[in-house]
Structures are given as C-alpha cells and as structure tokens.
Amino acid sequence: MERLDFPELTPRALKRINRARHKAREELKDQKKDWVKNNYHETCDKLLPPVVDTVPRVDARSLSCEEFRNKYEIPRIPIVLTHLMEDWPAMTKWTMKKLVKKYRNQSFKVGEDNRGNSVKLKLKYYKDYVSCNKDDSPLYVFDGNYGEHRKKCQFLEDYKVPEYFAEDLFRLVGEKRRPPYRWVVFGPKRSGTSVHIDPLGTHAWNALVSGYKRWILFPTHTARWLLKQKLPDSEAITWFKFVHPQTDDPNWPEDCKPIECLQGPGEMMFVPGGWWHAVLNVSDTVAVTHNYVSTANFAASWHKTARGRPKLSKKWLAQLREHRPDLAKIADDTDLSVKLAEQSDSSSNGSTSSSSSSSSSCSTCLTDSNSDNDRSRPVSRKKTSAKKKAGKRGNESEEGRRKRYRSKRERDRTNYRNKRPSHSEDDKKEKKSGKSSRQGSSENSNQGRPAREH
C-alpha cells in the first residue's frame, strides 16, 4: 500500500498498516509488489466455479439437543444450522461501523510473525485497511483473547453459546489453563484459512453475523498428502486456486470427495472433529467461532491431548476423576500407544475455521499457562542428545555413576593442570633451590614485623 494510491489514509494509519503487513508476511521480498502480484482483487471471482451446496441445512427451531447429538454430533456429520442467531444482539451491533465506534482504539490480532509472536493492529486502522486494500490475501482479524480483556470482553454479552454446544469438558481445567477456544473474526474478501484440522480432536461451530464464507470439507480419512501440497505460499486463496480444482479430477479418490457450502448471514456451521476444511471469505465478514469437547468426541480428544499435551492431560484427568468418573474410566482404558485411524494435522496450532495466512496453521492453538505450548517447534539436536543421555543415565547403576563422576574429577584435574599459567625462569630456579618467588616475597614482607603472640 503506497501513499499515492490511497490519499484518504493518514500517514500514521499507513505506517501502522504497513508495519503490520510486513510483520505478518516477512517472507515477501518486495513488500510493495508481492502483496498484489497476482491481482486477485480483480480475478478472484473468476478463479473458482460457483458453489454447489452439498452440506445439509437444518432448521434449529425443530431440532432438539438429543436429535442433534444422535444424528450429527456422534456420527460426525457437518451441517449448517439456521434460525439459531436471530435473538443475538450481535446481529445488529456487529457492523464494522458500530464496532469501530466502540472498539476503535483496541488492538486485535491480524497474524503472526516468523517467531510466532502476535501481530496486532488497532481496529480504527484495520477498518481503513479493509476499505482500501487490494492485497491478494488480506490481513485477517482472528482474536482469541477478547474474553479476558477489560474492554473487549463486552463481545461476550452480544452472543450466547447454543444449547447444542453447551457441554464443554475443557472448562473443567479452568479458563487460565484450558487451550484457547473462542475467537472473534473479521475477514475482508479474499482472506481465509488454508486446509487444516482443528486441534486436539475438538468439534467447532462458526456463527456468521455478516458476509459470506465459502467452505470445503473433506472426510476424516482423507490422506494428508492429498490436501497439504507444496504451494507458492500458505494462503487460503492459493489453496483454493491450485488444490480445489483437483477434487474434480477423475483420479481423485472417490471416498475422499469434498462437500461444500456457501454460509450466509445468520447461519452457523458445525464442523466435527477430524474433518479437514478450508474457508475463503467471498465478501467482508464478521463472525465468532468456538472449539469444544463433549461426551460425543471425548475419546478422540483425550487420545490426542494425552499424546500431544501431557501436562494438560494430567490436570484434565484429575478434574475428570472428581466431576466425570465415567469419562475418567474411558481415559484410563485408552491405549495411547495406538494411533487413531483418522488423520491429524501437525500444523494446526489451535485456531478454528478461519485464520489468515500468517496464522493459517490455525492459530489458535493452544497454550497451557504459557508453560505447555502445543505449537510444534523444532527441537534442536543438542536438546535431543541431552534427552538421550538423561535416559541412559536413568538406567545407570550406582557403580557406573561413581565411575563416571570419578573420571569427571580426573578430567577436571588434568584440565586445571594444563591451563595453569607457566612460571618465569627465576621461579623455576628458585623451585630447584627450594624457594619460590612467592615465598621470598612473603618473607621479605614479614621482615621488621613483631612476632604474633599465641
């Protein structure tokens, strides 16, 4: 974004926006040209064919919780729920104009830098950015900390969790310890999330307040290599451009064919755990999304949590023994040495159905009081070798341990002798005569002093 192209932006706004863009996409060599090099702001509508809606739509007014659980949640069938958000204050309050008026000076996460740190932008600047951007894949507000913020927590007053998703077993470990699970999402056209699976086997629901989202979902058994292909970048629109057309190819496995839908305002998408999905905003959107664990998906979620988040799983199990002994028994009987049949997405770090490219690995995911971070970080060779040594020493006998410490002391002595400073020739001569230069100096310094009385 250059100053000449957008004279309506103030210098301060332009500076803040360009700083956020640079941090979110540091890999772009030419920050002025690479954001718009594909000219998607003009060709986006021609990239993909019209959506063929194959996701079932269900009227929530005639659907009981028991029916939802038995027909869709347990068998893990994605659906679009309608007439579920009509009484939400968010439906009238969450327009960009009203949101900017209320939260204009509040910072929202619009991505992550190469070190995993959040990139934030004030909403007043983000609104200016949305109104004039021509980026191929724009910055995307995907903020998960609003519930704990003194000002942004007012978002919670504008919507309510539907009764279908009221059971939330991660709540047992407490708000501070549980993984991130809720996000407010403001996405301009062409933003979205590349294909991923939500973390820790969680189900997700995404409530769209305004705009339109294009969804594509793949069954849980779909091979990862089919969907996670090598692409020029990890942007959602790039995935839709290069991978989506392949699903119509005759060679694409018949049992891995996707289902699609175009989600509209006031509709809620239910994404069962384990389903691959990608999302593209086909217009400016405002939404809220939650991840949750219920009795229906507890077994899969426990398996993934115990294997990937051992610290969190111990705290969770302790609470389950107290509040849900039936589920604690399932956890105790789970064989963690056996991998689940369904695919898992190692790049998913916690967000749900929509995040920008900079956080498209599903940013949301998950921290355990900053001490048990489940983001997949590369482990250095030094740390790996140290762990191997620690494992070997754990099986070491007492005699072997003494021998190792004894040899270490001998090595230290040898190193000390080799590193001692050499004496001068005078010192060597004095050593031969039985006197050192230090002894001589001390004797001379003691001359004339009275003898110490004892």
Protein backbone atom coordinates (compact mmCIF):
# COMPACT_ATOMS: atom_id res chain seq x y z
CA MET A 1 0.00 0.00 0.00
CA GLU A 2 1.58 3.24 -1.15
CA ARG A 3 0.67 6.72 -0.02
CA LEU A 4 -0.13 7.91 -3.55
CA ASP A 5 -2.63 5.10 -4.16
CA PHE A 6 -4.63 5.82 -1.01
CA PRO A 7 -4.61 9.55 -0.26
CA GLU A 8 -7.54 9.10 2.13
CA LEU A 9 -5.25 7.33 4.64
CA THR A 10 -3.39 9.44 7.16
CA PRO A 11 0.39 8.97 7.35
CA ARG A 12 0.01 7.44 10.82
CA ALA A 13 -2.59 4.89 9.62
CA LEU A 14 -0.48 3.98 6.59
CA LYS A 15 2.59 3.49 8.77
CA ARG A 16 0.74 1.22 11.23
CA ILE A 17 -0.86 -0.82 8.45
CA ASN A 18 2.38 -1.36 6.52
CA ARG A 19 4.20 -2.31 9.70
CA ALA A 20 1.57 -5.00 10.44
CA ARG A 21 1.68 -6.26 6.86
CA HIS A 22 5.46 -6.57 6.95
CA LYS A 23 5.49 -8.45 10.25
CA ALA A 24 2.71 -10.81 9.17
CA ARG A 25 4.40 -11.67 5.86
CA GLU A 26 8.12 -11.25 6.39
CA GLU A 27 8.84 -13.82 3.70
CA LEU A 28 7.73 -11.42 0.95
CA LYS A 29 10.87 -9.97 -0.62
CA ASP A 30 9.23 -6.90 -2.15
CA GLN A 31 6.65 -5.68 0.35
CA LYS A 32 5.20 -3.14 -2.10
CA LYS A 33 4.64 -5.51 -5.03
CA ASP A 34 4.36 -9.07 -3.67
CA TRP A 35 1.14 -8.39 -1.76
CA VAL A 36 -0.67 -7.66 -5.05
CA LYS A 37 1.44 -9.56 -7.59
CA ASN A 38 -1.39 -11.99 -8.54
CA ASN A 39 -4.01 -9.27 -8.97
CA TYR A 40 -6.60 -11.40 -7.14
CA HIS A 41 -8.67 -8.37 -6.18
CA GLU A 42 -9.82 -8.31 -9.84
CA THR A 43 -9.67 -12.01 -10.76
CA CYS A 44 -10.80 -13.68 -7.51
CA ASP A 45 -14.41 -14.15 -8.65
CA LYS A 46 -13.26 -15.94 -11.81
CA LEU A 47 -10.84 -18.34 -10.10
CA LEU A 48 -13.43 -20.84 -8.86
CA PRO A 49 -16.70 -22.20 -10.22
CA PRO A 50 -19.98 -21.47 -8.40
CA VAL A 51 -20.52 -23.29 -5.12
CA VAL A 52 -22.61 -26.45 -5.26
CA ASP A 53 -24.17 -26.67 -1.78
CA THR A 54 -23.85 -30.25 -0.53
CA VAL A 55 -23.79 -29.60 3.24
CA PRO A 56 -27.20 -30.31 4.86
CA ARG A 57 -29.08 -27.32 6.24
CA VAL A 58 -31.09 -27.94 9.41
CA ASP A 59 -33.68 -25.64 10.98
CA ALA A 60 -32.70 -25.29 14.65
CA ARG A 61 -36.29 -24.48 15.61
CA SER A 62 -37.29 -28.11 15.02
CA LEU A 63 -34.08 -29.80 16.18
CA SER A 64 -33.74 -31.00 19.77
CA CYS A 65 -30.40 -31.43 21.51
CA GLU A 66 -30.89 -35.20 21.58
CA GLU A 67 -31.55 -35.30 17.84
CA PHE A 68 -28.52 -33.16 17.12
CA ARG A 69 -26.32 -35.41 19.23
CA ASN A 70 -27.55 -38.69 17.73
CA LYS A 71 -27.91 -37.60 14.09
CA TYR A 72 -24.93 -35.30 13.62
CA GLU A 73 -22.53 -34.98 16.56
CA ILE A 74 -21.87 -38.66 17.31
CA PRO A 75 -21.67 -39.78 13.64
CA ARG A 76 -19.69 -36.58 12.94
CA ILE A 77 -21.68 -35.12 10.07
CA PRO A 78 -21.11 -31.44 9.16
CA ILE A 79 -24.26 -29.33 8.95
CA VAL A 80 -25.39 -25.71 8.65
CA LEU A 81 -27.79 -24.65 11.41
CA THR A 82 -30.32 -21.94 10.60
CA HIS A 83 -32.58 -19.70 12.74
CA LEU A 84 -30.25 -20.03 15.71
CA MET A 85 -28.88 -16.48 15.96
CA GLU A 86 -31.97 -14.34 15.46
CA ASP A 87 -32.10 -13.14 19.07
CA TRP A 88 -28.39 -12.30 19.29
CA PRO A 89 -27.57 -8.60 19.91
CA ALA A 90 -24.53 -9.21 17.69
CA MET A 91 -26.77 -9.39 14.63
CA THR A 92 -27.38 -5.65 14.91
CA LYS A 93 -24.33 -4.50 16.87
CA TRP A 94 -21.56 -6.19 14.90
CA THR A 95 -21.34 -3.96 11.87
CA MET A 96 -17.89 -2.60 11.12
CA LYS A 97 -19.12 0.96 11.65
CA LYS A 98 -20.51 0.21 15.13
CA LEU A 99 -17.56 -1.98 16.10
CA VAL A 100 -15.09 0.74 15.18
CA LYS A 101 -17.07 3.28 17.17
CA LYS A 102 -16.94 1.07 20.28
CA TYR A 103 -13.51 -0.58 19.95
CA ARG A 104 -11.61 1.87 17.74
CA ASN A 105 -8.51 2.05 19.98
CA GLN A 106 -8.44 -1.65 20.86
CA SER A 107 -5.77 -3.79 19.21
CA PHE A 108 -6.74 -7.05 17.51
CA LYS A 109 -4.56 -9.87 16.29
CA VAL A 110 -4.18 -9.88 12.50
CA GLY A 111 -1.48 -12.53 12.14
CA GLU A 112 1.81 -13.88 13.48
CA ASP A 113 5.43 -13.13 12.64
CA ASN A 114 8.07 -15.74 11.86
CA ARG A 115 8.78 -16.22 15.57
CA GLY A 116 5.17 -16.95 16.45
CA ASN A 117 4.52 -13.58 18.08
CA SER A 118 1.13 -11.94 17.55
CA VAL A 119 0.87 -9.09 15.08
CA LYS A 120 -1.76 -6.60 16.22
CA LEU A 121 -3.49 -3.60 14.71
CA LYS A 122 -5.94 -1.11 16.19
CA LEU A 123 -9.45 -1.53 14.83
CA LYS A 124 -9.61 2.05 13.52
CA TYR A 125 -6.58 1.33 11.31
CA TYR A 126 -7.88 -2.07 10.31
CA LYS A 127 -11.15 -0.53 9.15
CA ASP A 128 -9.18 1.86 6.91
CA TYR A 129 -7.19 -1.09 5.60
CA VAL A 130 -10.30 -3.13 4.75
CA SER A 131 -11.89 -0.23 2.91
CA CYS A 132 -9.00 0.30 0.50
CA ASN A 133 -6.83 -2.85 0.37
CA LYS A 134 -6.11 -4.68 -2.89
CA ASP A 135 -3.96 -7.42 -1.34
CA ASP A 136 -4.14 -10.92 -2.79
CA SER A 137 -4.69 -12.33 0.70
CA PRO A 138 -5.53 -9.52 3.14
CA LEU A 139 -4.81 -9.31 6.85
CA TYR A 140 -7.44 -11.14 8.85
CA VAL A 141 -8.55 -10.36 12.42
CA PHE A 142 -8.57 -13.62 14.35
CA ASP A 143 -8.50 -12.62 18.00
CA GLY A 144 -8.81 -15.16 20.82
CA ASN A 145 -8.08 -13.02 23.87
CA TYR A 146 -11.18 -10.87 23.91
CA GLY A 147 -12.76 -12.81 26.78
CA GLU A 148 -10.03 -11.79 29.24
CA HIS A 149 -9.68 -8.18 28.06
CA ARG A 150 -11.27 -5.46 30.21
CA LYS A 151 -12.84 -3.72 27.20
CA LYS A 152 -13.17 -6.41 24.52
CA CYS A 153 -14.88 -8.81 26.95
CA GLN A 154 -18.11 -6.98 26.06
CA PHE A 155 -18.22 -9.15 22.94
CA LEU A 156 -19.41 -11.94 25.24
CA GLU A 157 -22.58 -10.00 26.01
CA ASP A 158 -23.63 -9.95 22.35
CA TYR A 159 -23.99 -13.68 21.74
CA LYS A 160 -24.65 -16.91 23.61
CA VAL A 161 -23.38 -20.45 23.16
CA PRO A 162 -26.19 -22.56 21.61
CA GLU A 163 -27.54 -25.34 23.78
CA TYR A 164 -26.27 -27.95 21.29
CA PHE A 165 -22.70 -26.99 22.23
CA ALA A 166 -23.20 -26.21 25.92
CA GLU A 167 -21.21 -29.22 27.17
CA ASP A 168 -17.59 -28.08 27.25
CA LEU A 169 -15.34 -30.55 29.07
CA PHE A 170 -12.17 -28.47 28.79
CA ARG A 171 -13.90 -25.99 31.09
CA LEU A 172 -13.02 -28.33 33.98
CA VAL A 173 -9.34 -27.31 33.91
CA GLY A 174 -10.20 -23.61 34.31
CA GLU A 175 -10.11 -20.62 31.98
CA LYS A 176 -6.41 -19.92 32.50
CA ARG A 177 -5.23 -23.48 31.92
CA ARG A 178 -7.51 -24.59 29.12
CA PRO A 179 -6.42 -24.26 25.47
CA PRO A 180 -7.69 -21.21 23.54
CA TYR A 181 -11.16 -21.99 22.29
CA ARG A 182 -13.02 -18.86 21.13
CA TRP A 183 -12.26 -16.18 18.56
CA VAL A 184 -13.89 -13.12 17.03
CA VAL A 185 -13.20 -12.99 13.32
CA PHE A 186 -13.26 -10.01 10.94
CA GLY A 187 -12.27 -11.01 7.44
CA PRO A 188 -12.23 -8.98 4.23
CA LYS A 189 -12.86 -10.53 0.84
CA ARG A 190 -10.12 -12.99 -0.29
CA SER A 191 -8.97 -13.73 3.27
CA GLY A 192 -9.46 -17.13 4.86
CA THR A 193 -7.83 -20.32 6.08
CA SER A 194 -5.94 -22.93 4.13
CA VAL A 195 -6.92 -26.57 4.66
CA HIS A 196 -6.45 -27.86 8.22
CA ILE A 197 -7.94 -29.98 11.03
CA ASP A 198 -8.96 -28.36 14.30
CA PRO A 199 -6.59 -29.30 17.15
CA LEU A 200 -6.97 -31.93 19.87
CA GLY A 201 -9.95 -33.62 18.22
CA THR A 202 -12.26 -30.74 19.09
CA HIS A 203 -15.59 -30.00 17.41
CA ALA A 204 -16.16 -26.43 16.22
CA TRP A 205 -19.03 -24.10 15.45
CA ASN A 206 -18.75 -20.92 13.42
CA ALA A 207 -21.51 -18.30 13.60
CA LEU A 208 -21.52 -15.83 10.71
CA VAL A 209 -23.01 -12.44 11.59
CA SER A 210 -22.46 -10.70 8.24
CA GLY A 211 -21.00 -11.52 4.82
CA TYR A 212 -20.46 -14.86 3.06
CA LYS A 213 -17.95 -17.67 3.60
CA ARG A 214 -17.13 -20.47 1.18
CA TRP A 215 -16.47 -23.80 2.92
CA ILE A 216 -14.98 -27.02 1.61
CA LEU A 217 -14.72 -30.08 3.90
CA PHE A 218 -13.04 -33.48 3.46
CA PRO A 219 -13.73 -36.73 5.38
CA THR A 220 -11.53 -37.66 8.32
CA HIS A 221 -9.76 -40.47 6.46
CA THR A 222 -8.54 -38.21 3.62
CA ALA A 223 -4.77 -38.58 3.23
CA ARG A 224 -2.77 -35.57 4.33
CA TRP A 225 -0.58 -35.56 1.20
CA LEU A 226 -3.65 -35.08 -0.97
CA LEU A 227 -4.52 -31.79 0.67
CA LYS A 228 -1.25 -30.45 2.06
CA GLN A 229 0.53 -29.93 -1.24
CA LYS A 230 3.60 -27.83 -1.95
CA LEU A 231 2.29 -24.40 -2.94
CA PRO A 232 3.84 -20.95 -3.53
CA ASP A 233 2.52 -19.89 -0.11
CA SER A 234 0.12 -21.00 2.63
CA GLU A 235 -2.65 -18.54 1.77
CA ALA A 236 -6.25 -19.72 1.64
CA ILE A 237 -6.85 -18.28 -1.81
CA THR A 238 -3.73 -20.03 -3.11
CA TRP A 239 -5.04 -23.36 -1.85
CA PHE A 240 -8.43 -22.77 -3.46
CA LYS A 241 -6.75 -21.81 -6.74
CA PHE A 242 -4.38 -24.79 -7.05
CA VAL A 243 -5.80 -27.67 -4.99
CA HIS A 244 -9.57 -27.17 -5.16
CA PRO A 245 -9.76 -27.85 -8.95
CA GLN A 246 -8.02 -31.19 -8.44
CA THR A 247 -11.02 -32.50 -6.49
CA ASP A 248 -12.97 -32.67 -9.78
CA ASP A 249 -10.27 -34.78 -11.42
CA PRO A 250 -11.31 -38.41 -12.17
CA ASN A 251 -8.14 -39.60 -10.40
CA TRP A 252 -9.21 -38.01 -7.11
CA PRO A 253 -10.25 -40.83 -4.69
CA GLU A 254 -13.99 -41.26 -4.73
CA ASP A 255 -14.22 -41.78 -0.96
CA CYS A 256 -12.33 -38.50 -0.37
CA LYS A 257 -14.65 -36.26 -2.37
CA PRO A 258 -15.36 -32.99 -0.54
CA ILE A 259 -18.63 -31.35 0.42
CA GLU A 260 -19.11 -27.59 0.01
CA CYS A 261 -21.40 -24.81 1.08
CA LEU A 262 -21.79 -21.06 0.99
CA GLN A 263 -22.51 -19.85 4.52
CA GLY A 264 -24.63 -16.72 4.76
CA PRO A 265 -25.51 -14.20 7.49
CA GLY A 266 -27.29 -15.72 10.48
CA GLU A 267 -26.12 -19.26 9.68
CA MET A 268 -23.98 -21.44 11.92
CA MET A 269 -21.54 -24.05 10.62
CA PHE A 270 -20.91 -27.20 12.66
CA VAL A 271 -17.52 -28.83 11.90
CA PRO A 272 -17.00 -32.22 13.59
CA GLY A 273 -13.55 -33.07 14.93
CA GLY A 274 -11.18 -34.69 12.45
CA TRP A 275 -12.71 -33.17 9.31
CA TRP A 276 -10.31 -31.31 7.02
CA HIS A 277 -11.69 -27.92 6.00
CA ALA A 278 -10.69 -24.72 4.26
CA VAL A 279 -12.52 -21.39 4.29
CA LEU A 280 -12.50 -18.45 1.89
CA ASN A 281 -14.31 -15.19 2.55
CA VAL A 282 -16.12 -14.18 -0.62
CA SER A 283 -17.11 -10.86 0.93
CA ASP A 284 -16.25 -8.83 4.05
CA THR A 285 -17.33 -10.94 7.04
CA VAL A 286 -17.81 -10.73 10.81
CA ALA A 287 -18.10 -13.97 12.78
CA VAL A 288 -17.47 -15.70 16.10
CA THR A 289 -16.24 -19.27 16.47
CA HIS A 290 -15.71 -21.74 19.32
CA ASN A 291 -13.98 -25.11 19.72
CA TYR A 292 -15.29 -27.55 22.32
CA VAL A 293 -15.13 -31.11 23.64
CA SER A 294 -18.28 -33.02 24.57
CA THR A 295 -19.02 -36.56 25.65
CA ALA A 296 -19.54 -37.43 21.98
CA ASN A 297 -15.95 -36.67 20.94
CA PHE A 298 -14.20 -37.13 24.30
CA ALA A 299 -12.43 -40.39 23.38
CA ALA A 300 -10.69 -38.90 20.34
CA SER A 301 -9.95 -35.62 22.09
CA TRP A 302 -8.48 -37.37 25.13
CA HIS A 303 -6.26 -39.55 22.93
CA LYS A 304 -4.82 -36.53 21.11
CA THR A 305 -4.47 -34.45 24.28
CA ALA A 306 -2.73 -37.20 26.26
CA ARG A 307 -0.26 -37.82 23.43
CA GLY A 308 0.34 -34.19 22.46
CA ARG A 309 -0.27 -32.24 25.68
CA PRO A 310 0.77 -34.49 28.59
CA LYS A 311 0.82 -31.71 31.22
CA LEU A 312 -2.63 -30.54 30.27
CA SER A 313 -3.97 -34.12 30.16
CA LYS A 314 -2.84 -34.79 33.75
CA LYS A 315 -4.68 -31.73 35.04
CA TRP A 316 -7.70 -32.64 32.95
CA LEU A 317 -7.78 -36.23 34.20
CA ALA A 318 -7.62 -35.10 37.82
CA GLN A 319 -10.74 -32.97 37.28
CA LEU A 320 -12.49 -35.74 35.37
CA ARG A 321 -11.98 -38.17 38.27
CA GLU A 322 -13.78 -35.70 40.51
CA HIS A 323 -16.57 -34.48 38.21
CA ARG A 324 -16.92 -37.12 35.47
CA PRO A 325 -15.71 -40.52 36.73
CA ASP A 326 -17.37 -42.20 33.74
CA LEU A 327 -15.11 -40.30 31.35
CA ALA A 328 -12.09 -40.78 33.61
CA LYS A 329 -12.59 -44.53 33.22
CA ILE A 330 -12.56 -44.12 29.42
CA ALA A 331 -9.33 -42.14 29.74
CA ASP A 332 -7.73 -44.83 31.91
CA ASP A 333 -8.70 -47.56 29.43
CA THR A 334 -7.35 -45.68 26.39
CA ASP A 335 -4.30 -47.28 24.77
CA LEU A 336 -2.13 -44.28 23.93
CA SER A 337 0.45 -46.38 22.08
CA VAL A 338 -2.04 -46.92 19.25
CA LYS A 339 -2.53 -44.07 16.79
CA LEU A 340 -6.03 -43.01 15.83
CA ALA A 341 -7.25 -44.09 12.42
CA GLU A 342 -8.21 -40.54 11.45
CA GLN A 343 -5.67 -38.09 10.07
CA SER A 344 -4.14 -35.35 12.16
CA ASP A 345 -2.77 -32.03 11.06
CA SER A 346 0.59 -31.37 12.70
CA SER A 347 0.50 -27.76 11.54
CA SER A 348 -2.70 -27.00 13.42
CA ASN A 349 -1.89 -24.87 16.35
CA GLY A 350 -5.25 -24.07 17.55
CA SER A 351 -7.50 -21.79 15.69
CA THR A 352 -10.70 -22.98 14.25
CA SER A 353 -12.23 -22.49 10.93
CA SER A 354 -10.74 -19.23 9.85
CA SER A 355 -7.44 -17.51 10.17
CA SER A 356 -5.23 -15.55 7.86
CA SER A 357 -2.22 -16.99 6.14
CA SER A 358 0.10 -15.77 8.79
CA SER A 359 -1.90 -17.73 11.30
CA SER A 360 -3.49 -20.17 8.89
CA SER A 361 -1.99 -23.04 10.74
CA CYS A 362 -4.93 -22.42 12.99
CA SER A 363 -3.65 -20.03 15.44
CA THR A 364 -5.33 -20.79 17.84
CA CYS A 365 -3.71 -23.15 19.29
CA LEU A 366 -3.10 -23.68 22.35
CA THR A 367 -1.17 -22.64 25.42
CA ASP A 368 -1.21 -24.07 28.89
CA SER A 369 -0.47 -21.03 31.08
CA ASN A 370 2.48 -20.34 28.78
CA SER A 371 4.27 -23.38 30.19
CA ASP A 372 2.87 -26.12 27.99
CA ASN A 373 2.75 -24.67 24.49
CA ASP A 374 1.41 -27.10 21.93
CA ARG A 375 2.77 -25.27 18.92
CA SER A 376 5.08 -27.59 17.09
CA ARG A 377 8.53 -26.05 17.48
CA PRO A 378 11.69 -27.60 16.02
CA VAL A 379 13.76 -29.37 18.68
CA SER A 380 17.48 -28.71 18.47
CA ARG A 381 19.98 -31.57 18.20
CA LYS A 382 21.59 -30.50 21.45
CA LYS A 383 18.31 -30.88 23.34
CA THR A 384 17.65 -34.25 21.70
CA SER A 385 21.09 -35.62 22.59
CA ALA A 386 20.71 -34.30 26.13
CA LYS A 387 17.42 -36.18 26.50
CA LYS A 388 19.04 -39.38 25.21
CA LYS A 389 21.89 -39.01 27.71
CA ALA A 390 19.40 -38.36 30.52
CA GLY A 391 17.56 -41.53 29.57
CA LYS A 392 20.74 -43.60 29.62
CA ARG A 393 21.76 -42.20 32.98
CA GLY A 394 18.39 -43.11 34.39
CA ASN A 395 19.23 -46.79 33.83
CA GLU A 396 22.80 -46.43 35.11
CA SER A 397 23.97 -48.48 38.09
CA GLU A 398 25.37 -46.93 41.27
CA GLU A 399 28.86 -48.24 40.50
CA GLY A 400 28.74 -46.85 36.98
CA ARG A 401 27.62 -43.48 38.32
CA ARG A 402 30.55 -43.36 40.77
CA LYS A 403 32.96 -44.30 38.00
CA ARG A 404 31.58 -41.55 35.76
CA TYR A 405 31.89 -38.91 38.49
CA ARG A 406 35.41 -40.15 39.36
CA SER A 407 36.53 -39.91 35.73
CA LYS A 408 34.98 -36.44 35.53
CA ARG A 409 37.01 -35.29 38.53
CA GLU A 410 40.17 -36.67 36.96
CA ARG A 411 39.44 -34.84 33.72
CA ASP A 412 38.87 -31.62 35.65
CA ARG A 413 42.19 -32.01 37.45
CA THR A 414 44.01 -32.62 34.16
CA ASN A 415 42.37 -29.61 32.55
CA TYR A 416 43.33 -27.48 35.54
CA ARG A 417 46.98 -28.56 35.36
CA ASN A 418 47.15 -27.88 31.63
CA LYS A 419 45.59 -24.44 32.00
CA ARG A 420 47.83 -23.25 34.90
CA PRO A 421 49.99 -20.23 33.98
CA SER A 422 53.68 -21.08 33.45
CA HIS A 423 56.25 -19.67 35.90
CA SER A 424 59.15 -17.46 34.93
CA GLU A 425 62.70 -18.74 34.69
CA ASP A 426 63.52 -17.15 38.07
CA ASP A 427 60.65 -19.05 39.67
CA LYS A 428 61.93 -22.31 38.20
CA LYS A 429 65.43 -21.68 39.55
CA GLU A 430 64.03 -20.85 42.95
CA LYS A 431 61.96 -24.01 42.86
CA LYS A 432 65.13 -26.02 42.33
CA SER A 433 66.74 -24.30 45.31
CA GLY A 434 63.66 -24.99 47.42
CA LYS A 435 62.30 -21.46 47.44
CA SER A 436 59.61 -19.91 45.33
CA SER A 437 59.33 -16.26 44.38
CA ARG A 438 56.12 -16.12 46.35
CA GLN A 439 57.80 -17.47 49.46
CA GLY A 440 60.60 -14.95 49.10
CA SER A 441 58.26 -12.04 48.71
CA SER A 442 56.27 -13.10 51.75
CA GLU A 443 59.41 -13.46 53.82
CA ASN A 444 60.63 -10.03 52.80
CA SER A 445 57.29 -8.51 53.56
CA ASN A 446 57.34 -10.01 57.08
CA GLN A 447 60.74 -8.54 57.98
CA GLY A 448 60.54 -5.97 60.77
CA ARG A 449 57.10 -7.16 61.92
CA PRO A 450 56.66 -8.24 65.57
CA ALA A 451 56.07 -11.93 66.12
CA ARG A 452 52.44 -12.84 66.60
CA GLU A 453 51.67 -13.85 70.15
CA HIS A 454 49.75 -17.04 70.71
